[in-house]
Amino acid sequence: MAEHVRRFCGPSLEGQKQFVEIVATEGVAASEIALMAEELSADLLVMGTHGRSGFERLFLGSVTEKVLRSTTVPVMTVPPPAQRGRAYRQVLEMAGAKALT
């Protein structure tokens, strides 16, 4: 799995000055994400959402929502379509991260 992610992300990561480590693990997604964020002392988690609302959201649940409720690490959610506008870039820069373009 990690190798598939490396190939998928590779072109976006070329030339980046920051170190990127790709980790693949098994378990309940929300729990593993929260655990890894805590272990790495992450400054910020950026997670996508599916844009569901109302009953559908309550019924299906959401990994992002579960992570929001189970970690002390700040989480920035990005609704679909993920627009890489100036607002997202400013939030990432304030957090000390570099926005991928």
PDB file of N, CA and C in Angstrom:
ATOM      1  N   MET A   1       0.819  -1.185   0.000  1.00  0.00           N
ATOM      2  CA  MET A   1       0.000   0.000   0.000  1.00  0.00           C
ATOM      3  C   MET A   1       0.871   1.262   0.000  1.00  0.00           C
ATOM      4  N   ALA A   2       1.901   1.258   0.836  1.00  0.00           N
ATOM      5  CA  ALA A   2       2.774   2.436   0.915  1.00  0.00           C
ATOM      6  C   ALA A   2       3.413   2.735  -0.437  1.00  0.00           C
ATOM      7  N   GLU A   3       3.792   1.696  -1.166  1.00  0.00           N
ATOM      8  CA  GLU A   3       4.412   1.899  -2.478  1.00  0.00           C
ATOM      9  C   GLU A   3       3.430   2.522  -3.468  1.00  0.00           C
ATOM     10  N   HIS A   4       2.169   2.118  -3.428  1.00  0.00           N
ATOM     11  CA  HIS A   4       1.149   2.715  -4.298  1.00  0.00           C
ATOM     12  C   HIS A   4       0.980   4.204  -3.974  1.00  0.00           C
ATOM     13  N   VAL A   5       0.991   4.535  -2.714  1.00  0.00           N
ATOM     14  CA  VAL A   5       0.859   5.936  -2.304  1.00  0.00           C
ATOM     15  C   VAL A   5       2.078   6.733  -2.765  1.00  0.00           C
ATOM     16  N   ARG A   6       3.269   6.159  -2.646  1.00  0.00           N
ATOM     17  CA  ARG A   6       4.489   6.849  -3.105  1.00  0.00           C
ATOM     18  C   ARG A   6       4.406   7.160  -4.598  1.00  0.00           C
ATOM     19  N   ARG A   7       3.956   6.193  -5.384  1.00  0.00           N
ATOM     20  CA  ARG A   7       3.847   6.424  -6.834  1.00  0.00           C
ATOM     21  C   ARG A   7       2.791   7.475  -7.149  1.00  0.00           C
ATOM     22  N   PHE A   8       1.676   7.438  -6.409  1.00  0.00           N
ATOM     23  CA  PHE A   8       0.594   8.397  -6.647  1.00  0.00           C
ATOM     24  C   PHE A   8       1.028   9.811  -6.276  1.00  0.00           C
ATOM     25  N   CYS A   9       1.699   9.958  -5.146  1.00  0.00           N
ATOM     26  CA  CYS A   9       2.084  11.275  -4.637  1.00  0.00           C
ATOM     27  C   CYS A   9       3.411  11.768  -5.184  1.00  0.00           C
ATOM     28  N   GLY A  10       4.203  10.875  -5.718  1.00  0.00           N
ATOM     29  CA  GLY A  10       5.547  11.210  -6.174  1.00  0.00           C
ATOM     30  C   GLY A  10       5.669  12.491  -6.971  1.00  0.00           C
ATOM     31  N   PRO A  11       4.892  12.666  -8.045  1.00  0.00           N
ATOM     32  CA  PRO A  11       5.037  13.880  -8.845  1.00  0.00           C
ATOM     33  C   PRO A  11       4.770  15.168  -8.046  1.00  0.00           C
ATOM     34  N   SER A  12       3.855  15.130  -7.101  1.00  0.00           N
ATOM     35  CA  SER A  12       3.546  16.318  -6.295  1.00  0.00           C
ATOM     36  C   SER A  12       4.651  16.627  -5.304  1.00  0.00           C
ATOM     37  N   LEU A  13       5.413  15.626  -4.907  1.00  0.00           N
ATOM     38  CA  LEU A  13       6.424  15.806  -3.871  1.00  0.00           C
ATOM     39  C   LEU A  13       7.808  16.127  -4.421  1.00  0.00           C
ATOM     40  N   GLU A  14       7.994  15.965  -5.728  1.00  0.00           N
ATOM     41  CA  GLU A  14       9.307  16.224  -6.321  1.00  0.00           C
ATOM     42  C   GLU A  14       9.692  17.682  -6.119  1.00  0.00           C
ATOM     43  N   GLY A  15      10.913  17.888  -5.699  1.00  0.00           N
ATOM     44  CA  GLY A  15      11.424  19.235  -5.522  1.00  0.00           C
ATOM     45  C   GLY A  15      11.045  19.893  -4.203  1.00  0.00           C
ATOM     46  N   GLN A  16      10.286  19.209  -3.361  1.00  0.00           N
ATOM     47  CA  GLN A  16       9.913  19.766  -2.064  1.00  0.00           C
ATOM     48  C   GLN A  16      11.127  19.739  -1.145  1.00  0.00           C
ATOM     49  N   LYS A  17      11.279  20.787  -0.356  1.00  0.00           N
ATOM     50  CA  LYS A  17      12.416  20.859   0.557  1.00  0.00           C
ATOM     51  C   LYS A  17      12.127  20.173   1.882  1.00  0.00           C
ATOM     52  N   GLN A  18      10.871  19.881   2.132  1.00  0.00           N
ATOM     53  CA  GLN A  18      10.501  19.262   3.393  1.00  0.00           C
ATOM     54  C   GLN A  18      10.497  17.744   3.257  1.00  0.00           C
ATOM     55  N   PHE A  19      10.833  17.086   4.357  1.00  0.00           N
ATOM     56  CA  PHE A  19      10.843  15.631   4.390  1.00  0.00           C
ATOM     57  C   PHE A  19       9.411  15.116   4.443  1.00  0.00           C
ATOM     58  N   VAL A  20       9.114  14.125   3.645  1.00  0.00           N
ATOM     59  CA  VAL A  20       7.796  13.504   3.643  1.00  0.00           C
ATOM     60  C   VAL A  20       7.988  12.012   3.885  1.00  0.00           C
ATOM     61  N   GLU A  21       7.276  11.507   4.888  1.00  0.00           N
ATOM     62  CA  GLU A  21       7.326  10.082   5.175  1.00  0.00           C
ATOM     63  C   GLU A  21       5.939   9.503   4.936  1.00  0.00           C
ATOM     64  N   ILE A  22       5.859   8.454   4.142  1.00  0.00           N
ATOM     65  CA  ILE A  22       4.589   7.804   3.866  1.00  0.00           C
ATOM     66  C   ILE A  22       4.512   6.556   4.731  1.00  0.00           C
ATOM     67  N   VAL A  23       3.438   6.462   5.509  1.00  0.00           N
ATOM     68  CA  VAL A  23       3.256   5.357   6.441  1.00  0.00           C
ATOM     69  C   VAL A  23       1.940   4.665   6.125  1.00  0.00           C
ATOM     70  N   ALA A  24       1.974   3.350   6.041  1.00  0.00           N
ATOM     71  CA  ALA A  24       0.747   2.571   5.854  1.00  0.00           C
ATOM     72  C   ALA A  24       0.590   1.672   7.076  1.00  0.00           C
ATOM     73  N   THR A  25      -0.613   1.649   7.632  1.00  0.00           N
ATOM     74  CA  THR A  25      -0.870   0.851   8.826  1.00  0.00           C
ATOM     75  C   THR A  25      -2.252   0.231   8.729  1.00  0.00           C
ATOM     76  N   GLU A  26      -2.500  -0.778   9.535  1.00  0.00           N
ATOM     77  CA  GLU A  26      -3.807  -1.418   9.564  1.00  0.00           C
ATOM     78  C   GLU A  26      -4.538  -1.037  10.835  1.00  0.00           C
ATOM     79  N   GLY A  27      -5.858  -0.990  10.748  1.00  0.00           N
ATOM     80  CA  GLY A  27      -6.669  -0.702  11.921  1.00  0.00           C
ATOM     81  C   GLY A  27      -7.860   0.159  11.558  1.00  0.00           C
ATOM     82  N   VAL A  28      -8.501   0.698  12.569  1.00  0.00           N
ATOM     83  CA  VAL A  28      -9.635   1.598  12.371  1.00  0.00           C
ATOM     84  C   VAL A  28      -9.065   2.953  11.949  1.00  0.00           C
ATOM     85  N   ALA A  29      -9.483   3.437  10.787  1.00  0.00           N
ATOM     86  CA  ALA A  29      -8.870   4.625  10.184  1.00  0.00           C
ATOM     87  C   ALA A  29      -8.776   5.807  11.139  1.00  0.00           C
ATOM     88  N   ALA A  30      -9.881   6.207  11.750  1.00  0.00           N
ATOM     89  CA  ALA A  30      -9.881   7.390  12.617  1.00  0.00           C
ATOM     90  C   ALA A  30      -8.929   7.207  13.792  1.00  0.00           C
ATOM     91  N   SER A  31      -8.936   6.037  14.393  1.00  0.00           N
ATOM     92  CA  SER A  31      -8.056   5.766  15.539  1.00  0.00           C
ATOM     93  C   SER A  31      -6.589   5.808  15.128  1.00  0.00           C
ATOM     94  N   GLU A  32      -6.270   5.198  13.990  1.00  0.00           N
ATOM     95  CA  GLU A  32      -4.879   5.175  13.516  1.00  0.00           C
ATOM     96  C   GLU A  32      -4.386   6.570  13.157  1.00  0.00           C
ATOM     97  N   ILE A  33      -5.231   7.374  12.523  1.00  0.00           N
ATOM     98  CA  ILE A  33      -4.845   8.745  12.166  1.00  0.00           C
ATOM     99  C   ILE A  33      -4.585   9.563  13.426  1.00  0.00           C
ATOM    100  N   ALA A  34      -5.485   9.489  14.396  1.00  0.00           N
ATOM    101  CA  ALA A  34      -5.324  10.237  15.644  1.00  0.00           C
ATOM    102  C   ALA A  34      -4.068   9.784  16.389  1.00  0.00           C
ATOM    103  N   LEU A  35      -3.833   8.471  16.447  1.00  0.00           N
ATOM    104  CA  LEU A  35      -2.665   7.933  17.127  1.00  0.00           C
ATOM    105  C   LEU A  35      -1.375   8.410  16.459  1.00  0.00           C
ATOM    106  N   MET A  36      -1.326   8.338  15.143  1.00  0.00           N
ATOM    107  CA  MET A  36      -0.133   8.751  14.415  1.00  0.00           C
ATOM    108  C   MET A  36       0.125  10.253  14.581  1.00  0.00           C
ATOM    109  N   ALA A  37      -0.930  11.045  14.563  1.00  0.00           N
ATOM    110  CA  ALA A  37      -0.785  12.493  14.757  1.00  0.00           C
ATOM    111  C   ALA A  37      -0.172  12.797  16.116  1.00  0.00           C
ATOM    112  N   GLU A  38      -0.633  12.086  17.134  1.00  0.00           N
ATOM    113  CA  GLU A  38      -0.100  12.282  18.482  1.00  0.00           C
ATOM    114  C   GLU A  38       1.362  11.812  18.554  1.00  0.00           C
ATOM    115  N   GLU A  39       1.656  10.648  17.983  1.00  0.00           N
ATOM    116  CA  GLU A  39       3.020  10.106  18.017  1.00  0.00           C
ATOM    117  C   GLU A  39       4.021  11.023  17.308  1.00  0.00           C
ATOM    118  N   LEU A  40       3.580  11.640  16.219  1.00  0.00           N
ATOM    119  CA  LEU A  40       4.463  12.515  15.436  1.00  0.00           C
ATOM    120  C   LEU A  40       4.482  13.948  15.954  1.00  0.00           C
ATOM    121  N   SER A  41       3.685  14.231  16.989  1.00  0.00           N
ATOM    122  CA  SER A  41       3.535  15.610  17.487  1.00  0.00           C
ATOM    123  C   SER A  41       3.173  16.544  16.340  1.00  0.00           C
ATOM    124  N   ALA A  42       2.202  16.127  15.546  1.00  0.00           N
ATOM    125  CA  ALA A  42       1.780  16.906  14.377  1.00  0.00           C
ATOM    126  C   ALA A  42       1.247  18.268  14.810  1.00  0.00           C
ATOM    127  N   ASP A  43       1.540  19.274  14.008  1.00  0.00           N
ATOM    128  CA  ASP A  43       1.038  20.624  14.264  1.00  0.00           C
ATOM    129  C   ASP A  43      -0.361  20.805  13.715  1.00  0.00           C
ATOM    130  N   LEU A  44      -0.681  20.074  12.642  1.00  0.00           N
ATOM    131  CA  LEU A  44      -1.953  20.255  11.958  1.00  0.00           C
ATOM    132  C   LEU A  44      -2.265  19.020  11.123  1.00  0.00           C
ATOM    133  N   LEU A  45      -3.521  18.589  11.142  1.00  0.00           N
ATOM    134  CA  LEU A  45      -4.004  17.546  10.245  1.00  0.00           C
ATOM    135  C   LEU A  45      -4.883  18.221   9.204  1.00  0.00           C
ATOM    136  N   VAL A  46      -4.723  17.866   7.956  1.00  0.00           N
ATOM    137  CA  VAL A  46      -5.573  18.375   6.889  1.00  0.00           C
ATOM    138  C   VAL A  46      -6.305  17.170   6.321  1.00  0.00           C
ATOM    139  N   MET A  47      -7.639  17.202   6.414  1.00  0.00           N
ATOM    140  CA  MET A  47      -8.439  16.050   5.988  1.00  0.00           C
ATOM    141  C   MET A  47      -9.572  16.499   5.092  1.00  0.00           C
ATOM    142  N   GLY A  48      -9.846  15.700   4.083  1.00  0.00           N
ATOM    143  CA  GLY A  48     -10.961  15.972   3.195  1.00  0.00           C
ATOM    144  C   GLY A  48     -12.271  15.483   3.789  1.00  0.00           C
ATOM    145  N   THR A  49     -13.347  16.050   3.305  1.00  0.00           N
ATOM    146  CA  THR A  49     -14.673  15.596   3.689  1.00  0.00           C
ATOM    147  C   THR A  49     -15.417  15.200   2.419  1.00  0.00           C
ATOM    148  N   HIS A  50     -16.489  14.429   2.581  1.00  0.00           N
ATOM    149  CA  HIS A  50     -17.286  14.021   1.424  1.00  0.00           C
ATOM    150  C   HIS A  50     -18.397  15.006   1.127  1.00  0.00           C
ATOM    151  N   GLY A  51     -18.633  15.957   2.006  1.00  0.00           N
ATOM    152  CA  GLY A  51     -19.675  16.945   1.785  1.00  0.00           C
ATOM    153  C   GLY A  51     -21.067  16.435   2.070  1.00  0.00           C
ATOM    154  N   ARG A  52     -21.178  15.318   2.777  1.00  0.00           N
ATOM    155  CA  ARG A  52     -22.506  14.796   3.121  1.00  0.00           C
ATOM    156  C   ARG A  52     -23.096  15.656   4.223  1.00  0.00           C
ATOM    157  N   SER A  53     -24.407  15.666   4.285  1.00  0.00           N
ATOM    158  CA  SER A  53     -25.050  16.437   5.349  1.00  0.00           C
ATOM    159  C   SER A  53     -26.312  15.722   5.804  1.00  0.00           C
ATOM    160  N   GLY A  54     -26.848  16.193   6.914  1.00  0.00           N
ATOM    161  CA  GLY A  54     -28.121  15.684   7.402  1.00  0.00           C
ATOM    162  C   GLY A  54     -28.080  14.210   7.747  1.00  0.00           C
ATOM    163  N   PHE A  55     -29.155  13.517   7.422  1.00  0.00           N
ATOM    164  CA  PHE A  55     -29.329  12.112   7.782  1.00  0.00           C
ATOM    165  C   PHE A  55     -28.223  11.239   7.215  1.00  0.00           C
ATOM    166  N   GLU A  56     -27.824  11.486   5.975  1.00  0.00           N
ATOM    167  CA  GLU A  56     -26.790  10.659   5.351  1.00  0.00           C
ATOM    168  C   GLU A  56     -25.508  10.709   6.175  1.00  0.00           C
ATOM    169  N   ARG A  57     -25.139  11.876   6.674  1.00  0.00           N
ATOM    170  CA  ARG A  57     -23.928  12.021   7.477  1.00  0.00           C
ATOM    171  C   ARG A  57     -24.067  11.281   8.812  1.00  0.00           C
ATOM    172  N   LEU A  58     -25.220  11.393   9.447  1.00  0.00           N
ATOM    173  CA  LEU A  58     -25.440  10.712  10.711  1.00  0.00           C
ATOM    174  C   LEU A  58     -25.407   9.201  10.537  1.00  0.00           C
ATOM    175  N   PHE A  59     -25.978   8.731   9.459  1.00  0.00           N
ATOM    176  CA  PHE A  59     -26.090   7.300   9.226  1.00  0.00           C
ATOM    177  C   PHE A  59     -24.743   6.677   8.836  1.00  0.00           C
ATOM    178  N   LEU A  60     -24.014   7.338   7.953  1.00  0.00           N
ATOM    179  CA  LEU A  60     -22.778   6.775   7.434  1.00  0.00           C
ATOM    180  C   LEU A  60     -21.572   7.058   8.313  1.00  0.00           C
ATOM    181  N   GLY A  61     -21.627   8.106   9.116  1.00  0.00           N
ATOM    182  CA  GLY A  61     -20.472   8.486   9.911  1.00  0.00           C
ATOM    183  C   GLY A  61     -19.404   9.112   9.046  1.00  0.00           C
ATOM    184  N   SER A  62     -18.310   9.495   9.647  1.00  0.00           N
ATOM    185  CA  SER A  62     -17.261  10.165   8.908  1.00  0.00           C
ATOM    186  C   SER A  62     -15.935   9.978   9.625  1.00  0.00           C
ATOM    187  N   VAL A  63     -14.923   9.527   8.900  1.00  0.00           N
ATOM    188  CA  VAL A  63     -13.596   9.368   9.490  1.00  0.00           C
ATOM    189  C   VAL A  63     -13.103  10.721   9.979  1.00  0.00           C
ATOM    190  N   THR A  64     -13.296  11.761   9.183  1.00  0.00           N
ATOM    191  CA  THR A  64     -12.838  13.090   9.579  1.00  0.00           C
ATOM    192  C   THR A  64     -13.515  13.538  10.867  1.00  0.00           C
ATOM    193  N   GLU A  65     -14.810  13.326  10.969  1.00  0.00           N
ATOM    194  CA  GLU A  65     -15.528  13.727  12.177  1.00  0.00           C
ATOM    195  C   GLU A  65     -15.031  12.938  13.394  1.00  0.00           C
ATOM    196  N   LYS A  66     -14.772  11.664  13.227  1.00  0.00           N
ATOM    197  CA  LYS A  66     -14.265  10.844  14.336  1.00  0.00           C
ATOM    198  C   LYS A  66     -12.874  11.304  14.762  1.00  0.00           C
ATOM    199  N   VAL A  67     -12.037  11.690  13.800  1.00  0.00           N
ATOM    200  CA  VAL A  67     -10.708  12.208  14.136  1.00  0.00           C
ATOM    201  C   VAL A  67     -10.853  13.528  14.888  1.00  0.00           C
ATOM    202  N   LEU A  68     -11.751  14.393  14.423  1.00  0.00           N
ATOM    203  CA  LEU A  68     -11.988  15.672  15.101  1.00  0.00           C
ATOM    204  C   LEU A  68     -12.330  15.462  16.566  1.00  0.00           C
ATOM    205  N   ARG A  69     -13.085  14.429  16.862  1.00  0.00           N
ATOM    206  CA  ARG A  69     -13.542  14.165  18.225  1.00  0.00           C
ATOM    207  C   ARG A  69     -12.528  13.403  19.073  1.00  0.00           C
ATOM    208  N   SER A  70     -11.472  12.866  18.456  1.00  0.00           N
ATOM    209  CA  SER A  70     -10.577  11.994  19.214  1.00  0.00           C
ATOM    210  C   SER A  70      -9.135  12.474  19.306  1.00  0.00           C
ATOM    211  N   THR A  71      -8.835  13.676  18.822  1.00  0.00           N
ATOM    212  CA  THR A  71      -7.460  14.157  18.880  1.00  0.00           C
ATOM    213  C   THR A  71      -7.410  15.580  19.421  1.00  0.00           C
ATOM    214  N   THR A  72      -6.278  15.914  19.988  1.00  0.00           N
ATOM    215  CA  THR A  72      -6.062  17.294  20.441  1.00  0.00           C
ATOM    216  C   THR A  72      -5.331  18.106  19.381  1.00  0.00           C
ATOM    217  N   VAL A  73      -4.926  17.451  18.299  1.00  0.00           N
ATOM    218  CA  VAL A  73      -4.231  18.117  17.200  1.00  0.00           C
ATOM    219  C   VAL A  73      -5.254  18.902  16.380  1.00  0.00           C
ATOM    220  N   PRO A  74      -4.960  20.159  16.024  1.00  0.00           N
ATOM    221  CA  PRO A  74      -5.890  20.912  15.185  1.00  0.00           C
ATOM    222  C   PRO A  74      -6.120  20.212  13.845  1.00  0.00           C
ATOM    223  N   VAL A  75      -7.372  20.242  13.370  1.00  0.00           N
ATOM    224  CA  VAL A  75      -7.745  19.599  12.109  1.00  0.00           C
ATOM    225  C   VAL A  75      -8.380  20.625  11.195  1.00  0.00           C
ATOM    226  N   MET A  76      -7.850  20.753   9.984  1.00  0.00           N
ATOM    227  CA  MET A  76      -8.453  21.619   8.971  1.00  0.00           C
ATOM    228  C   MET A  76      -9.170  20.704   7.989  1.00  0.00           C
ATOM    229  N   THR A  77     -10.474  20.919   7.803  1.00  0.00           N
ATOM    230  CA  THR A  77     -11.231  20.094   6.868  1.00  0.00           C
ATOM    231  C   THR A  77     -11.366  20.820   5.540  1.00  0.00           C
ATOM    232  N   VAL A  78     -11.266  20.057   4.469  1.00  0.00           N
ATOM    233  CA  VAL A  78     -11.348  20.599   3.115  1.00  0.00           C
ATOM    234  C   VAL A  78     -12.523  19.928   2.418  1.00  0.00           C
ATOM    235  N   PRO A  79     -13.590  20.696   2.159  1.00  0.00           N
ATOM    236  CA  PRO A  79     -14.756  20.113   1.497  1.00  0.00           C
ATOM    237  C   PRO A  79     -14.519  19.939  -0.003  1.00  0.00           C
ATOM    238  N   PRO A  80     -15.285  19.073  -0.653  1.00  0.00           N
ATOM    239  CA  PRO A  80     -15.149  18.927  -2.110  1.00  0.00           C
ATOM    240  C   PRO A  80     -15.834  20.079  -2.810  1.00  0.00           C
ATOM    241  N   PRO A  81     -15.449  20.450  -3.996  1.00  0.00           N
ATOM    242  CA  PRO A  81     -14.150  20.092  -4.561  1.00  0.00           C
ATOM    243  C   PRO A  81     -13.051  20.818  -3.803  1.00  0.00           C
ATOM    244  N   ALA A  82     -11.936  20.129  -3.568  1.00  0.00           N
ATOM    245  CA  ALA A  82     -10.834  20.715  -2.805  1.00  0.00           C
ATOM    246  C   ALA A  82     -10.229  21.842  -3.622  1.00  0.00           C
ATOM    247  N   GLN A  83     -10.536  23.041  -3.228  1.00  0.00           N
ATOM    248  CA  GLN A  83     -10.033  24.208  -3.946  1.00  0.00           C
ATOM    249  C   GLN A  83      -8.814  24.731  -3.209  1.00  0.00           C
ATOM    250  N   ARG A  84      -7.751  24.859  -3.911  1.00  0.00           N
ATOM    251  CA  ARG A  84      -6.508  25.323  -3.301  1.00  0.00           C
ATOM    252  C   ARG A  84      -6.436  26.840  -3.390  1.00  0.00           C
ATOM    253  N   GLY A  85      -7.391  27.465  -2.776  1.00  0.00           N
ATOM    254  CA  GLY A  85      -7.463  28.921  -2.802  1.00  0.00           C
ATOM    255  C   GLY A  85      -6.530  29.564  -1.812  1.00  0.00           C
ATOM    256  N   ARG A  86      -6.537  30.872  -1.837  1.00  0.00           N
ATOM    257  CA  ARG A  86      -5.647  31.637  -0.983  1.00  0.00           C
ATOM    258  C   ARG A  86      -5.926  31.398   0.495  1.00  0.00           C
ATOM    259  N   ALA A  87      -7.181  31.210   0.892  1.00  0.00           N
ATOM    260  CA  ALA A  87      -7.526  31.020   2.301  1.00  0.00           C
ATOM    261  C   ALA A  87      -6.853  29.772   2.865  1.00  0.00           C
ATOM    262  N   TYR A  88      -6.896  28.650   2.137  1.00  0.00           N
ATOM    263  CA  TYR A  88      -6.251  27.424   2.609  1.00  0.00           C
ATOM    264  C   TYR A  88      -4.746  27.619   2.703  1.00  0.00           C
ATOM    265  N   ARG A  89      -4.181  28.261   1.713  1.00  0.00           N
ATOM    266  CA  ARG A  89      -2.730  28.479   1.690  1.00  0.00           C
ATOM    267  C   ARG A  89      -2.312  29.322   2.898  1.00  0.00           C
ATOM    268  N   GLN A  90      -3.102  30.363   3.223  1.00  0.00           N
ATOM    269  CA  GLN A  90      -2.771  31.221   4.360  1.00  0.00           C
ATOM    270  C   GLN A  90      -2.831  30.456   5.672  1.00  0.00           C
ATOM    271  N   VAL A  91      -3.835  29.594   5.842  1.00  0.00           N
ATOM    272  CA  VAL A  91      -3.947  28.805   7.072  1.00  0.00           C
ATOM    273  C   VAL A  91      -2.742  27.882   7.211  1.00  0.00           C
ATOM    274  N   LEU A  92      -2.365  27.209   6.126  1.00  0.00           N
ATOM    275  CA  LEU A  92      -1.221  26.306   6.176  1.00  0.00           C
ATOM    276  C   LEU A  92       0.066  27.063   6.471  1.00  0.00           C
ATOM    277  N   GLU A  93       0.232  28.238   5.880  1.00  0.00           N
ATOM    278  CA  GLU A  93       1.437  29.021   6.124  1.00  0.00           C
ATOM    279  C   GLU A  93       1.493  29.498   7.571  1.00  0.00           C
ATOM    280  N   MET A  94       0.346  29.869   8.140  1.00  0.00           N
ATOM    281  CA  MET A  94       0.321  30.294   9.543  1.00  0.00           C
ATOM    282  C   MET A  94       0.686  29.125  10.444  1.00  0.00           C
ATOM    283  N   ALA A  95       0.352  27.920  10.037  1.00  0.00           N
ATOM    284  CA  ALA A  95       0.656  26.732  10.830  1.00  0.00           C
ATOM    285  C   ALA A  95       2.110  26.268  10.600  1.00  0.00           C
ATOM    286  N   GLY A  96       2.808  26.938   9.696  1.00  0.00           N
ATOM    287  CA  GLY A  96       4.198  26.583   9.438  1.00  0.00           C
ATOM    288  C   GLY A  96       4.371  25.516   8.395  1.00  0.00           C
ATOM    289  N   ALA A  97       3.295  25.166   7.692  1.00  0.00           N
ATOM    290  CA  ALA A  97       3.375  24.139   6.652  1.00  0.00           C
ATOM    291  C   ALA A  97       3.443  24.829   5.288  1.00  0.00           C
ATOM    292  N   LYS A  98       3.897  24.107   4.319  1.00  0.00           N
ATOM    293  CA  LYS A  98       3.936  24.637   2.963  1.00  0.00           C
ATOM    294  C   LYS A  98       2.840  23.992   2.152  1.00  0.00           C
ATOM    295  N   ALA A  99       2.013  24.827   1.516  1.00  0.00           N
ATOM    296  CA  ALA A  99       0.919  24.304   0.685  1.00  0.00           C
ATOM    297  C   ALA A  99       1.500  23.760  -0.613  1.00  0.00           C
ATOM    298  N   LEU A 100       1.079  22.569  -0.976  1.00  0.00           N
ATOM    299  CA  LEU A 100       1.486  21.994  -2.256  1.00  0.00           C
ATOM    300  C   LEU A 100       0.702  22.660  -3.357  1.00  0.00           C
ATOM    301  N   THR A 101       1.365  23.025  -4.422  1.00  0.00           N
ATOM    302  CA  THR A 101       0.658  23.666  -5.524  1.00  0.00           C
ATOM    303  C   THR A 101       0.522  22.715  -6.682  1.00  0.00           C
TER     304      THR A 101
END
